[in-house]
Amino acid sequence: MAKKTVNNDVLLANIIKGIEEVKGNDISILDLREIDAAVCDYFIVCNGNSNTQVNAIVGSIQKTVSKELKDKPWHIEGTDNAEWVLMDYVHIVVHVFQKHIREYYNIESLWGDAKITTIENKY
């Protein structure tokens, strides 16, 4: 049986909701659809203040997406040290960082041609 296709906009909204549920910070959406050789359609980047919060963000995203869309990530890596966790939903890749690690790698600058949308914190 083929995996059902989830609408990117709906998936994006649920990922953002999952991040906000546990007060993830500095949420950015990088639209990669116009970039040649991009690995996916969107990156979502956010950060937490500790490895505990990073793992809580990852768990909240999984729970929200699973509950609302019956979907799960194709792959997750980085949960052992929880400094940078990557969640691969195929068309959308989520990067959950600790703040200092995000600043160090600055992946937004690596994708400078992407259209970047910043989500204001709701708290």
PDB file of N, CA and C in Angstrom:
ATOM      1  N   MET A   1       0.833  -1.170   0.000  1.00  0.00           N
ATOM      2  CA  MET A   1       0.000   0.000   0.000  1.00  0.00           C
ATOM      3  C   MET A   1       0.886   1.244   0.000  1.00  0.00           C
ATOM      4  N   ALA A   2       0.613   2.175  -0.881  1.00  0.00           N
ATOM      5  CA  ALA A   2       1.404   3.403  -0.980  1.00  0.00           C
ATOM      6  C   ALA A   2       1.084   4.331   0.184  1.00  0.00           C
ATOM      7  N   LYS A   3       2.100   5.071   0.595  1.00  0.00           N
ATOM      8  CA  LYS A   3       1.893   6.046   1.670  1.00  0.00           C
ATOM      9  C   LYS A   3       0.998   7.156   1.153  1.00  0.00           C
ATOM     10  N   LYS A   4      -0.005   7.537   1.964  1.00  0.00           N
ATOM     11  CA  LYS A   4      -0.900   8.595   1.513  1.00  0.00           C
ATOM     12  C   LYS A   4      -0.157   9.926   1.497  1.00  0.00           C
ATOM     13  N   THR A   5      -0.525  10.773   0.574  1.00  0.00           N
ATOM     14  CA  THR A   5       0.120  12.059   0.444  1.00  0.00           C
ATOM     15  C   THR A   5      -0.553  13.063   1.368  1.00  0.00           C
ATOM     16  N   VAL A   6       0.246  13.778   2.116  1.00  0.00           N
ATOM     17  CA  VAL A   6      -0.260  14.805   3.017  1.00  0.00           C
ATOM     18  C   VAL A   6       0.017  16.163   2.374  1.00  0.00           C
ATOM     19  N   ASN A   7      -0.962  17.032   2.380  1.00  0.00           N
ATOM     20  CA  ASN A   7      -0.830  18.375   1.848  1.00  0.00           C
ATOM     21  C   ASN A   7       0.265  19.122   2.616  1.00  0.00           C
ATOM     22  N   ASN A   8       1.222  19.718   1.883  1.00  0.00           N
ATOM     23  CA  ASN A   8       2.339  20.430   2.519  1.00  0.00           C
ATOM     24  C   ASN A   8       1.869  21.538   3.448  1.00  0.00           C
ATOM     25  N   ASP A   9       0.841  22.306   3.050  1.00  0.00           N
ATOM     26  CA  ASP A   9       0.370  23.417   3.884  1.00  0.00           C
ATOM     27  C   ASP A   9      -0.187  22.905   5.205  1.00  0.00           C
ATOM     28  N   VAL A  10      -0.917  21.805   5.151  1.00  0.00           N
ATOM     29  CA  VAL A  10      -1.495  21.218   6.363  1.00  0.00           C
ATOM     30  C   VAL A  10      -0.383  20.660   7.245  1.00  0.00           C
ATOM     31  N   LEU A  11       0.580  19.988   6.639  1.00  0.00           N
ATOM     32  CA  LEU A  11       1.711  19.454   7.395  1.00  0.00           C
ATOM     33  C   LEU A  11       2.515  20.589   8.033  1.00  0.00           C
ATOM     34  N   LEU A  12       2.794  21.647   7.267  1.00  0.00           N
ATOM     35  CA  LEU A  12       3.506  22.808   7.812  1.00  0.00           C
ATOM     36  C   LEU A  12       2.783  23.364   9.036  1.00  0.00           C
ATOM     37  N   ALA A  13       1.489  23.553   8.911  1.00  0.00           N
ATOM     38  CA  ALA A  13       0.693  24.122  10.013  1.00  0.00           C
ATOM     39  C   ALA A  13       0.756  23.243  11.256  1.00  0.00           C
ATOM     40  N   ASN A  14       0.705  21.942  11.076  1.00  0.00           N
ATOM     41  CA  ASN A  14       0.743  21.031  12.221  1.00  0.00           C
ATOM     42  C   ASN A  14       2.129  20.957  12.851  1.00  0.00           C
ATOM     43  N   ILE A  15       3.172  21.055  12.043  1.00  0.00           N
ATOM     44  CA  ILE A  15       4.534  21.086  12.583  1.00  0.00           C
ATOM     45  C   ILE A  15       4.721  22.359  13.415  1.00  0.00           C
ATOM     46  N   ILE A  16       4.275  23.497  12.884  1.00  0.00           N
ATOM     47  CA  ILE A  16       4.370  24.766  13.617  1.00  0.00           C
ATOM     48  C   ILE A  16       3.592  24.671  14.930  1.00  0.00           C
ATOM     49  N   LYS A  17       2.399  24.096  14.861  1.00  0.00           N
ATOM     50  CA  LYS A  17       1.575  23.929  16.068  1.00  0.00           C
ATOM     51  C   LYS A  17       2.331  23.092  17.106  1.00  0.00           C
ATOM     52  N   GLY A  18       2.956  22.011  16.662  1.00  0.00           N
ATOM     53  CA  GLY A  18       3.722  21.157  17.567  1.00  0.00           C
ATOM     54  C   GLY A  18       4.879  21.897  18.216  1.00  0.00           C
ATOM     55  N   ILE A  19       5.544  22.757  17.458  1.00  0.00           N
ATOM     56  CA  ILE A  19       6.658  23.547  18.003  1.00  0.00           C
ATOM     57  C   ILE A  19       6.131  24.532  19.045  1.00  0.00           C
ATOM     58  N   GLU A  20       5.047  25.208  18.700  1.00  0.00           N
ATOM     59  CA  GLU A  20       4.500  26.234  19.596  1.00  0.00           C
ATOM     60  C   GLU A  20       3.926  25.643  20.884  1.00  0.00           C
ATOM     61  N   GLU A  21       3.435  24.410  20.819  1.00  0.00           N
ATOM     62  CA  GLU A  21       2.860  23.767  22.008  1.00  0.00           C
ATOM     63  C   GLU A  21       3.853  23.703  23.163  1.00  0.00           C
ATOM     64  N   VAL A  22       5.145  23.576  22.848  1.00  0.00           N
ATOM     65  CA  VAL A  22       6.167  23.470  23.891  1.00  0.00           C
ATOM     66  C   VAL A  22       7.142  24.651  23.838  1.00  0.00           C
ATOM     67  N   LYS A  23       6.637  25.769  23.330  1.00  0.00           N
ATOM     68  CA  LYS A  23       7.368  27.036  23.328  1.00  0.00           C
ATOM     69  C   LYS A  23       8.719  26.991  22.617  1.00  0.00           C
ATOM     70  N   GLY A  24       8.753  26.332  21.446  1.00  0.00           N
ATOM     71  CA  GLY A  24       9.942  26.402  20.602  1.00  0.00           C
ATOM     72  C   GLY A  24      10.133  27.837  20.134  1.00  0.00           C
ATOM     73  N   ASN A  25      11.371  28.244  19.949  1.00  0.00           N
ATOM     74  CA  ASN A  25      11.686  29.641  19.631  1.00  0.00           C
ATOM     75  C   ASN A  25      12.144  29.831  18.193  1.00  0.00           C
ATOM     76  N   ASP A  26      12.015  31.078  17.734  1.00  0.00           N
ATOM     77  CA  ASP A  26      12.623  31.533  16.476  1.00  0.00           C
ATOM     78  C   ASP A  26      12.309  30.599  15.308  1.00  0.00           C
ATOM     79  N   ILE A  27      11.030  30.409  15.033  1.00  0.00           N
ATOM     80  CA  ILE A  27      10.601  29.501  13.969  1.00  0.00           C
ATOM     81  C   ILE A  27      10.739  30.193  12.624  1.00  0.00           C
ATOM     82  N   SER A  28      11.440  29.537  11.703  1.00  0.00           N
ATOM     83  CA  SER A  28      11.578  30.031  10.337  1.00  0.00           C
ATOM     84  C   SER A  28      11.171  28.935   9.371  1.00  0.00           C
ATOM     85  N   ILE A  29      10.504  29.342   8.294  1.00  0.00           N
ATOM     86  CA  ILE A  29      10.162  28.423   7.209  1.00  0.00           C
ATOM     87  C   ILE A  29      10.957  28.867   5.992  1.00  0.00           C
ATOM     88  N   LEU A  30      11.770  27.964   5.466  1.00  0.00           N
ATOM     89  CA  LEU A  30      12.538  28.246   4.253  1.00  0.00           C
ATOM     90  C   LEU A  30      11.861  27.537   3.099  1.00  0.00           C
ATOM     91  N   ASP A  31      11.387  28.303   2.140  1.00  0.00           N
ATOM     92  CA  ASP A  31      10.726  27.755   0.958  1.00  0.00           C
ATOM     93  C   ASP A  31      11.797  27.468  -0.087  1.00  0.00           C
ATOM     94  N   LEU A  32      12.050  26.179  -0.321  1.00  0.00           N
ATOM     95  CA  LEU A  32      13.125  25.755  -1.225  1.00  0.00           C
ATOM     96  C   LEU A  32      12.624  25.354  -2.606  1.00  0.00           C
ATOM     97  N   ARG A  33      11.336  25.527  -2.864  1.00  0.00           N
ATOM     98  CA  ARG A  33      10.747  25.014  -4.103  1.00  0.00           C
ATOM     99  C   ARG A  33      11.338  25.626  -5.366  1.00  0.00           C
ATOM    100  N   GLU A  34      11.846  26.850  -5.289  1.00  0.00           N
ATOM    101  CA  GLU A  34      12.400  27.511  -6.481  1.00  0.00           C
ATOM    102  C   GLU A  34      13.902  27.264  -6.651  1.00  0.00           C
ATOM    103  N   ILE A  35      14.491  26.515  -5.743  1.00  0.00           N
ATOM    104  CA  ILE A  35      15.939  26.313  -5.761  1.00  0.00           C
ATOM    105  C   ILE A  35      16.271  24.983  -6.440  1.00  0.00           C
ATOM    106  N   ASP A  36      17.123  25.060  -7.460  1.00  0.00           N
ATOM    107  CA  ASP A  36      17.546  23.845  -8.156  1.00  0.00           C
ATOM    108  C   ASP A  36      18.287  22.934  -7.187  1.00  0.00           C
ATOM    109  N   ALA A  37      18.058  21.655  -7.318  1.00  0.00           N
ATOM    110  CA  ALA A  37      18.744  20.619  -6.539  1.00  0.00           C
ATOM    111  C   ALA A  37      18.442  20.693  -5.042  1.00  0.00           C
ATOM    112  N   ALA A  38      17.352  21.340  -4.655  1.00  0.00           N
ATOM    113  CA  ALA A  38      16.967  21.345  -3.242  1.00  0.00           C
ATOM    114  C   ALA A  38      16.525  19.941  -2.852  1.00  0.00           C
ATOM    115  N   VAL A  39      16.812  19.576  -1.618  1.00  0.00           N
ATOM    116  CA  VAL A  39      16.530  18.218  -1.150  1.00  0.00           C
ATOM    117  C   VAL A  39      15.063  17.999  -0.784  1.00  0.00           C
ATOM    118  N   CYS A  40      14.318  19.093  -0.604  1.00  0.00           N
ATOM    119  CA  CYS A  40      12.910  18.997  -0.234  1.00  0.00           C
ATOM    120  C   CYS A  40      12.232  20.321  -0.596  1.00  0.00           C
ATOM    121  N   ASP A  41      10.951  20.450  -0.287  1.00  0.00           N
ATOM    122  CA  ASP A  41      10.224  21.681  -0.591  1.00  0.00           C
ATOM    123  C   ASP A  41      10.425  22.761   0.468  1.00  0.00           C
ATOM    124  N   TYR A  42      10.502  22.340   1.739  1.00  0.00           N
ATOM    125  CA  TYR A  42      10.616  23.300   2.837  1.00  0.00           C
ATOM    126  C   TYR A  42      11.558  22.781   3.908  1.00  0.00           C
ATOM    127  N   PHE A  43      12.263  23.719   4.544  1.00  0.00           N
ATOM    128  CA  PHE A  43      12.927  23.490   5.822  1.00  0.00           C
ATOM    129  C   PHE A  43      12.135  24.285   6.849  1.00  0.00           C
ATOM    130  N   ILE A  44      11.918  23.694   8.001  1.00  0.00           N
ATOM    131  CA  ILE A  44      11.431  24.443   9.145  1.00  0.00           C
ATOM    132  C   ILE A  44      12.559  24.396  10.165  1.00  0.00           C
ATOM    133  N   VAL A  45      12.936  25.569  10.657  1.00  0.00           N
ATOM    134  CA  VAL A  45      14.046  25.677  11.599  1.00  0.00           C
ATOM    135  C   VAL A  45      13.526  26.350  12.862  1.00  0.00           C
ATOM    136  N   CYS A  46      13.890  25.781  14.010  1.00  0.00           N
ATOM    137  CA  CYS A  46      13.528  26.396  15.288  1.00  0.00           C
ATOM    138  C   CYS A  46      14.571  26.001  16.315  1.00  0.00           C
ATOM    139  N   ASN A  47      14.452  26.583  17.513  1.00  0.00           N
ATOM    140  CA  ASN A  47      15.386  26.179  18.547  1.00  0.00           C
ATOM    141  C   ASN A  47      14.728  26.121  19.913  1.00  0.00           C
ATOM    142  N   GLY A  48      15.376  25.337  20.767  1.00  0.00           N
ATOM    143  CA  GLY A  48      14.998  25.223  22.164  1.00  0.00           C
ATOM    144  C   GLY A  48      16.157  25.673  23.019  1.00  0.00           C
ATOM    145  N   ASN A  49      15.920  25.760  24.315  1.00  0.00           N
ATOM    146  CA  ASN A  49      16.932  26.285  25.225  1.00  0.00           C
ATOM    147  C   ASN A  49      17.805  25.212  25.873  1.00  0.00           C
ATOM    148  N   SER A  50      17.460  23.945  25.667  1.00  0.00           N
ATOM    149  CA  SER A  50      18.217  22.852  26.290  1.00  0.00           C
ATOM    150  C   SER A  50      17.956  21.576  25.504  1.00  0.00           C
ATOM    151  N   ASN A  51      18.728  20.525  25.791  1.00  0.00           N
ATOM    152  CA  ASN A  51      18.471  19.260  25.111  1.00  0.00           C
ATOM    153  C   ASN A  51      17.099  18.714  25.512  1.00  0.00           C
ATOM    154  N   THR A  52      16.679  18.987  26.739  1.00  0.00           N
ATOM    155  CA  THR A  52      15.343  18.547  27.182  1.00  0.00           C
ATOM    156  C   THR A  52      14.258  19.218  26.353  1.00  0.00           C
ATOM    157  N   GLN A  53      14.378  20.534  26.136  1.00  0.00           N
ATOM    158  CA  GLN A  53      13.367  21.231  25.346  1.00  0.00           C
ATOM    159  C   GLN A  53      13.427  20.811  23.879  1.00  0.00           C
ATOM    160  N   VAL A  54      14.621  20.621  23.337  1.00  0.00           N
ATOM    161  CA  VAL A  54      14.735  20.153  21.943  1.00  0.00           C
ATOM    162  C   VAL A  54      13.987  18.835  21.784  1.00  0.00           C
ATOM    163  N   ASN A  55      14.220  17.891  22.686  1.00  0.00           N
ATOM    164  CA  ASN A  55      13.514  16.608  22.602  1.00  0.00           C
ATOM    165  C   ASN A  55      12.010  16.771  22.812  1.00  0.00           C
ATOM    166  N   ALA A  56      11.609  17.724  23.660  1.00  0.00           N
ATOM    167  CA  ALA A  56      10.176  17.984  23.864  1.00  0.00           C
ATOM    168  C   ALA A  56       9.550  18.538  22.585  1.00  0.00           C
ATOM    169  N   ILE A  57      10.261  19.406  21.876  1.00  0.00           N
ATOM    170  CA  ILE A  57       9.763  19.948  20.608  1.00  0.00           C
ATOM    171  C   ILE A  57       9.579  18.818  19.597  1.00  0.00           C
ATOM    172  N   VAL A  58      10.590  17.965  19.484  1.00  0.00           N
ATOM    173  CA  VAL A  58      10.523  16.834  18.552  1.00  0.00           C
ATOM    174  C   VAL A  58       9.324  15.941  18.891  1.00  0.00           C
ATOM    175  N   GLY A  59       9.166  15.629  20.167  1.00  0.00           N
ATOM    176  CA  GLY A  59       8.045  14.791  20.599  1.00  0.00           C
ATOM    177  C   GLY A  59       6.703  15.444  20.317  1.00  0.00           C
ATOM    178  N   SER A  60       6.626  16.752  20.544  1.00  0.00           N
ATOM    179  CA  SER A  60       5.376  17.471  20.309  1.00  0.00           C
ATOM    180  C   SER A  60       5.020  17.498  18.823  1.00  0.00           C
ATOM    181  N   ILE A  61       6.018  17.695  17.965  1.00  0.00           N
ATOM    182  CA  ILE A  61       5.776  17.665  16.516  1.00  0.00           C
ATOM    183  C   ILE A  61       5.257  16.289  16.115  1.00  0.00           C
ATOM    184  N   GLN A  62       5.939  15.233  16.582  1.00  0.00           N
ATOM    185  CA  GLN A  62       5.514  13.869  16.236  1.00  0.00           C
ATOM    186  C   GLN A  62       4.084  13.607  16.692  1.00  0.00           C
ATOM    187  N   LYS A  63       3.782  13.993  17.922  1.00  0.00           N
ATOM    188  CA  LYS A  63       2.461  13.753  18.491  1.00  0.00           C
ATOM    189  C   LYS A  63       1.379  14.514  17.713  1.00  0.00           C
ATOM    190  N   THR A  64       1.641  15.787  17.434  1.00  0.00           N
ATOM    191  CA  THR A  64       0.660  16.624  16.726  1.00  0.00           C
ATOM    192  C   THR A  64       0.409  16.101  15.316  1.00  0.00           C
ATOM    193  N   VAL A  65       1.473  15.829  14.573  1.00  0.00           N
ATOM    194  CA  VAL A  65       1.334  15.360  13.187  1.00  0.00           C
ATOM    195  C   VAL A  65       0.675  13.986  13.162  1.00  0.00           C
ATOM    196  N   SER A  66       1.052  13.119  14.080  1.00  0.00           N
ATOM    197  CA  SER A  66       0.464  11.782  14.134  1.00  0.00           C
ATOM    198  C   SER A  66      -1.029  11.853  14.449  1.00  0.00           C
ATOM    199  N   LYS A  67      -1.392  12.667  15.430  1.00  0.00           N
ATOM    200  CA  LYS A  67      -2.789  12.785  15.845  1.00  0.00           C
ATOM    201  C   LYS A  67      -3.652  13.413  14.751  1.00  0.00           C
ATOM    202  N   GLU A  68      -3.162  14.505  14.163  1.00  0.00           N
ATOM    203  CA  GLU A  68      -3.965  15.253  13.189  1.00  0.00           C
ATOM    204  C   GLU A  68      -3.952  14.639  11.792  1.00  0.00           C
ATOM    205  N   LEU A  69      -2.817  14.104  11.384  1.00  0.00           N
ATOM    206  CA  LEU A  69      -2.645  13.668   9.987  1.00  0.00           C
ATOM    207  C   LEU A  69      -2.359  12.185   9.820  1.00  0.00           C
ATOM    208  N   LYS A  70      -2.199  11.468  10.933  1.00  0.00           N
ATOM    209  CA  LYS A  70      -1.849  10.038  10.872  1.00  0.00           C
ATOM    210  C   LYS A  70      -0.580   9.829  10.047  1.00  0.00           C
ATOM    211  N   ASP A  71       0.368  10.741  10.203  1.00  0.00           N
ATOM    212  CA  ASP A  71       1.626  10.672   9.461  1.00  0.00           C
ATOM    213  C   ASP A  71       2.766  10.666  10.466  1.00  0.00           C
ATOM    214  N   LYS A  72       3.902  10.139  10.032  1.00  0.00           N
ATOM    215  CA  LYS A  72       5.082  10.131  10.888  1.00  0.00           C
ATOM    216  C   LYS A  72       6.305  10.435  10.037  1.00  0.00           C
ATOM    217  N   PRO A  73       7.377  10.882  10.688  1.00  0.00           N
ATOM    218  CA  PRO A  73       8.579  11.202   9.911  1.00  0.00           C
ATOM    219  C   PRO A  73       9.166   9.953   9.263  1.00  0.00           C
ATOM    220  N   TRP A  74       9.725  10.143   8.082  1.00  0.00           N
ATOM    221  CA  TRP A  74      10.402   9.054   7.397  1.00  0.00           C
ATOM    222  C   TRP A  74      11.680   8.705   8.145  1.00  0.00           C
ATOM    223  N   HIS A  75      12.318   9.713   8.732  1.00  0.00           N
ATOM    224  CA  HIS A  75      13.594   9.496   9.425  1.00  0.00           C
ATOM    225  C   HIS A  75      13.795  10.608  10.458  1.00  0.00           C
ATOM    226  N   ILE A  76      14.406  10.263  11.581  1.00  0.00           N
ATOM    227  CA  ILE A  76      14.793  11.241  12.611  1.00  0.00           C
ATOM    228  C   ILE A  76      16.218  10.923  13.022  1.00  0.00           C
ATOM    229  N   GLU A  77      17.034  11.953  13.165  1.00  0.00           N
ATOM    230  CA  GLU A  77      18.378  11.723  13.697  1.00  0.00           C
ATOM    231  C   GLU A  77      18.785  12.877  14.604  1.00  0.00           C
ATOM    232  N   GLY A  78      19.635  12.580  15.565  1.00  0.00           N
ATOM    233  CA  GLY A  78      20.174  13.592  16.453  1.00  0.00           C
ATOM    234  C   GLY A  78      19.560  13.631  17.840  1.00  0.00           C
ATOM    235  N   THR A  79      18.649  12.724  18.142  1.00  0.00           N
ATOM    236  CA  THR A  79      17.972  12.764  19.441  1.00  0.00           C
ATOM    237  C   THR A  79      18.880  12.348  20.604  1.00  0.00           C
ATOM    238  N   ASP A  80      19.975  11.656  20.313  1.00  0.00           N
ATOM    239  CA  ASP A  80      20.856  11.202  21.405  1.00  0.00           C
ATOM    240  C   ASP A  80      21.444  12.363  22.194  1.00  0.00           C
ATOM    241  N   ASN A  81      22.015  13.357  21.498  1.00  0.00           N
ATOM    242  CA  ASN A  81      22.556  14.501  22.233  1.00  0.00           C
ATOM    243  C   ASN A  81      21.620  15.709  22.171  1.00  0.00           C
ATOM    244  N   ALA A  82      20.639  15.688  21.272  1.00  0.00           N
ATOM    245  CA  ALA A  82      19.596  16.724  21.179  1.00  0.00           C
ATOM    246  C   ALA A  82      20.172  18.134  21.070  1.00  0.00           C
ATOM    247  N   GLU A  83      21.255  18.270  20.316  1.00  0.00           N
ATOM    248  CA  GLU A  83      21.764  19.608  20.005  1.00  0.00           C
ATOM    249  C   GLU A  83      21.201  20.071  18.668  1.00  0.00           C
ATOM    250  N   TRP A  84      21.051  19.124  17.742  1.00  0.00           N
ATOM    251  CA  TRP A  84      20.475  19.397  16.424  1.00  0.00           C
ATOM    252  C   TRP A  84      19.745  18.131  16.015  1.00  0.00           C
ATOM    253  N   VAL A  85      18.434  18.194  16.024  1.00  0.00           N
ATOM    254  CA  VAL A  85      17.624  17.043  15.623  1.00  0.00           C
ATOM    255  C   VAL A  85      17.017  17.347  14.261  1.00  0.00           C
ATOM    256  N   LEU A  86      17.149  16.402  13.356  1.00  0.00           N
ATOM    257  CA  LEU A  86      16.585  16.518  12.016  1.00  0.00           C
ATOM    258  C   LEU A  86      15.418  15.547  11.909  1.00  0.00           C
ATOM    259  N   MET A  87      14.276  16.058  11.475  1.00  0.00           N
ATOM    260  CA  MET A  87      13.078  15.237  11.264  1.00  0.00           C
ATOM    261  C   MET A  87      12.722  15.323   9.786  1.00  0.00           C
ATOM    262  N   ASP A  88      12.739  14.206   9.104  1.00  0.00           N
ATOM    263  CA  ASP A  88      12.503  14.183   7.661  1.00  0.00           C
ATOM    264  C   ASP A  88      11.085  13.696   7.365  1.00  0.00           C
ATOM    265  N   TYR A  89      10.243  14.623   6.935  1.00  0.00           N
ATOM    266  CA  TYR A  89       8.881  14.286   6.500  1.00  0.00           C
ATOM    267  C   TYR A  89       8.820  14.249   4.970  1.00  0.00           C
ATOM    268  N   VAL A  90       9.900  13.936   4.317  1.00  0.00           N
ATOM    269  CA  VAL A  90      10.105  13.822   2.878  1.00  0.00           C
ATOM    270  C   VAL A  90      10.065  15.191   2.184  1.00  0.00           C
ATOM    271  N   HIS A  91       8.903  15.832   2.088  1.00  0.00           N
ATOM    272  CA  HIS A  91       8.818  17.126   1.417  1.00  0.00           C
ATOM    273  C   HIS A  91       9.158  18.284   2.353  1.00  0.00           C
ATOM    274  N   ILE A  92       9.118  18.007   3.650  1.00  0.00           N
ATOM    275  CA  ILE A  92       9.430  19.010   4.667  1.00  0.00           C
ATOM    276  C   ILE A  92      10.441  18.406   5.636  1.00  0.00           C
ATOM    277  N   VAL A  93      11.548  19.114   5.834  1.00  0.00           N
ATOM    278  CA  VAL A  93      12.562  18.678   6.786  1.00  0.00           C
ATOM    279  C   VAL A  93      12.605  19.701   7.916  1.00  0.00           C
ATOM    280  N   VAL A  94      12.492  19.208   9.142  1.00  0.00           N
ATOM    281  CA  VAL A  94      12.474  20.055  10.328  1.00  0.00           C
ATOM    282  C   VAL A  94      13.832  19.957  11.019  1.00  0.00           C
ATOM    283  N   HIS A  95      14.396  21.120  11.341  1.00  0.00           N
ATOM    284  CA  HIS A  95      15.657  21.194  12.080  1.00  0.00           C
ATOM    285  C   HIS A  95      15.356  21.831  13.425  1.00  0.00           C
ATOM    286  N   VAL A  96      15.568  21.080  14.501  1.00  0.00           N
ATOM    287  CA  VAL A  96      15.342  21.599  15.852  1.00  0.00           C
ATOM    288  C   VAL A  96      16.715  21.685  16.525  1.00  0.00           C
ATOM    289  N   PHE A  97      17.122  22.897  16.834  1.00  0.00           N
ATOM    290  CA  PHE A  97      18.457  23.161  17.375  1.00  0.00           C
ATOM    291  C   PHE A  97      18.399  23.631  18.817  1.00  0.00           C
ATOM    292  N   GLN A  98      19.530  23.473  19.518  1.00  0.00           N
ATOM    293  CA  GLN A  98      19.781  24.310  20.673  1.00  0.00           C
ATOM    294  C   GLN A  98      20.298  25.632  20.102  1.00  0.00           C
ATOM    295  N   LYS A  99      19.985  26.736  20.761  1.00  0.00           N
ATOM    296  CA  LYS A  99      20.251  28.067  20.208  1.00  0.00           C
ATOM    297  C   LYS A  99      21.710  28.254  19.762  1.00  0.00           C
ATOM    298  N   HIS A 100      22.673  27.882  20.584  1.00  0.00           N
ATOM    299  CA  HIS A 100      24.085  28.109  20.233  1.00  0.00           C
ATOM    300  C   HIS A 100      24.517  27.261  19.031  1.00  0.00           C
ATOM    301  N   ILE A 101      23.950  26.093  18.885  1.00  0.00           N
ATOM    302  CA  ILE A 101      24.272  25.232  17.732  1.00  0.00           C
ATOM    303  C   ILE A 101      23.670  25.826  16.457  1.00  0.00           C
ATOM    304  N   ARG A 102      22.439  26.337  16.568  1.00  0.00           N
ATOM    305  CA  ARG A 102      21.805  26.993  15.416  1.00  0.00           C
ATOM    306  C   ARG A 102      22.640  28.183  14.958  1.00  0.00           C
ATOM    307  N   GLU A 103      23.099  28.978  15.893  1.00  0.00           N
ATOM    308  CA  GLU A 103      23.913  30.144  15.545  1.00  0.00           C
ATOM    309  C   GLU A 103      25.220  29.723  14.886  1.00  0.00           C
ATOM    310  N   TYR A 104      25.808  28.652  15.374  1.00  0.00           N
ATOM    311  CA  TYR A 104      27.083  28.174  14.825  1.00  0.00           C
ATOM    312  C   TYR A 104      26.933  27.727  13.371  1.00  0.00           C
ATOM    313  N   TYR A 105      25.919  26.894  13.086  1.00  0.00           N
ATOM    314  CA  TYR A 105      25.758  26.348  11.730  1.00  0.00           C
ATOM    315  C   TYR A 105      25.055  27.308  10.786  1.00  0.00           C
ATOM    316  N   ASN A 106      24.173  28.163  11.315  1.00  0.00           N
ATOM    317  CA  ASN A 106      23.506  29.204  10.535  1.00  0.00           C
ATOM    318  C   ASN A 106      23.011  28.687   9.181  1.00  0.00           C
ATOM    319  N   ILE A 107      22.206  27.626   9.209  1.00  0.00           N
ATOM    320  CA  ILE A 107      21.793  27.014   7.938  1.00  0.00           C
ATOM    321  C   ILE A 107      20.919  27.933   7.088  1.00  0.00           C
ATOM    322  N   GLU A 108      20.282  28.914   7.703  1.00  0.00           N
ATOM    323  CA  GLU A 108      19.505  29.853   6.889  1.00  0.00           C
ATOM    324  C   GLU A 108      20.399  30.564   5.875  1.00  0.00           C
ATOM    325  N   SER A 109      21.629  30.873   6.262  1.00  0.00           N
ATOM    326  CA  SER A 109      22.525  31.574   5.337  1.00  0.00           C
ATOM    327  C   SER A 109      23.007  30.656   4.213  1.00  0.00           C
ATOM    328  N   LEU A 110      23.051  29.345   4.488  1.00  0.00           N
ATOM    329  CA  LEU A 110      23.457  28.400   3.451  1.00  0.00           C
ATOM    330  C   LEU A 110      22.419  28.314   2.333  1.00  0.00           C
ATOM    331  N   TRP A 111      21.177  28.615   2.676  1.00  0.00           N
ATOM    332  CA  TRP A 111      20.070  28.589   1.710  1.00  0.00           C
ATOM    333  C   TRP A 111      19.589  30.018   1.489  1.00  0.00           C
ATOM    334  N   GLY A 112      20.537  30.923   1.227  1.00  0.00           N
ATOM    335  CA  GLY A 112      20.239  32.344   1.093  1.00  0.00           C
ATOM    336  C   GLY A 112      19.251  32.688   0.001  1.00  0.00           C
ATOM    337  N   ASP A 113      19.106  31.817  -1.005  1.00  0.00           N
ATOM    338  CA  ASP A 113      18.159  32.077  -2.093  1.00  0.00           C
ATOM    339  C   ASP A 113      16.730  31.706  -1.716  1.00  0.00           C
ATOM    340  N   ALA A 114      16.561  31.031  -0.603  1.00  0.00           N
ATOM    341  CA  ALA A 114      15.222  30.589  -0.195  1.00  0.00           C
ATOM    342  C   ALA A 114      14.407  31.779   0.307  1.00  0.00           C
ATOM    343  N   LYS A 115      13.105  31.712   0.073  1.00  0.00           N
ATOM    344  CA  LYS A 115      12.195  32.689   0.669  1.00  0.00           C
ATOM    345  C   LYS A 115      12.002  32.257   2.121  1.00  0.00           C
ATOM    346  N   ILE A 116      12.306  33.153   3.066  1.00  0.00           N
ATOM    347  CA  ILE A 116      12.235  32.814   4.483  1.00  0.00           C
ATOM    348  C   ILE A 116      11.064  33.540   5.132  1.00  0.00           C
ATOM    349  N   THR A 117      10.222  32.765   5.804  1.00  0.00           N
ATOM    350  CA  THR A 117       9.106  33.312   6.558  1.00  0.00           C
ATOM    351  C   THR A 117       9.388  33.066   8.039  1.00  0.00           C
ATOM    352  N   THR A 118       9.308  34.118   8.825  1.00  0.00           N
ATOM    353  CA  THR A 118       9.536  34.005  10.264  1.00  0.00           C
ATOM    354  C   THR A 118       8.188  34.005  10.977  1.00  0.00           C
ATOM    355  N   ILE A 119       8.025  33.062  11.887  1.00  0.00           N
ATOM    356  CA  ILE A 119       6.792  32.957  12.686  1.00  0.00           C
ATOM    357  C   ILE A 119       7.046  33.647  14.019  1.00  0.00           C
ATOM    358  N   GLU A 120       6.225  34.630  14.345  1.00  0.00           N
ATOM    359  CA  GLU A 120       6.371  35.323  15.627  1.00  0.00           C
ATOM    360  C   GLU A 120       5.996  34.403  16.774  1.00  0.00           C
ATOM    361  N   ASN A 121       6.763  34.460  17.865  1.00  0.00           N
ATOM    362  CA  ASN A 121       6.413  33.705  19.062  1.00  0.00           C
ATOM    363  C   ASN A 121       5.063  34.179  19.582  1.00  0.00           C
ATOM    364  N   LYS A 122       4.229  33.237  20.024  1.00  0.00           N
ATOM    365  CA  LYS A 122       2.897  33.583  20.501  1.00  0.00           C
ATOM    366  C   LYS A 122       2.854  33.768  22.013  1.00  0.00           C
ATOM    367  N   TYR A 123       3.983  33.732  22.665  1.00  0.00           N
ATOM    368  CA  TYR A 123       4.012  33.829  24.126  1.00  0.00           C
ATOM    369  C   TYR A 123       4.994  34.862  24.583  1.00  0.00           C
TER     370      TYR A 123
END
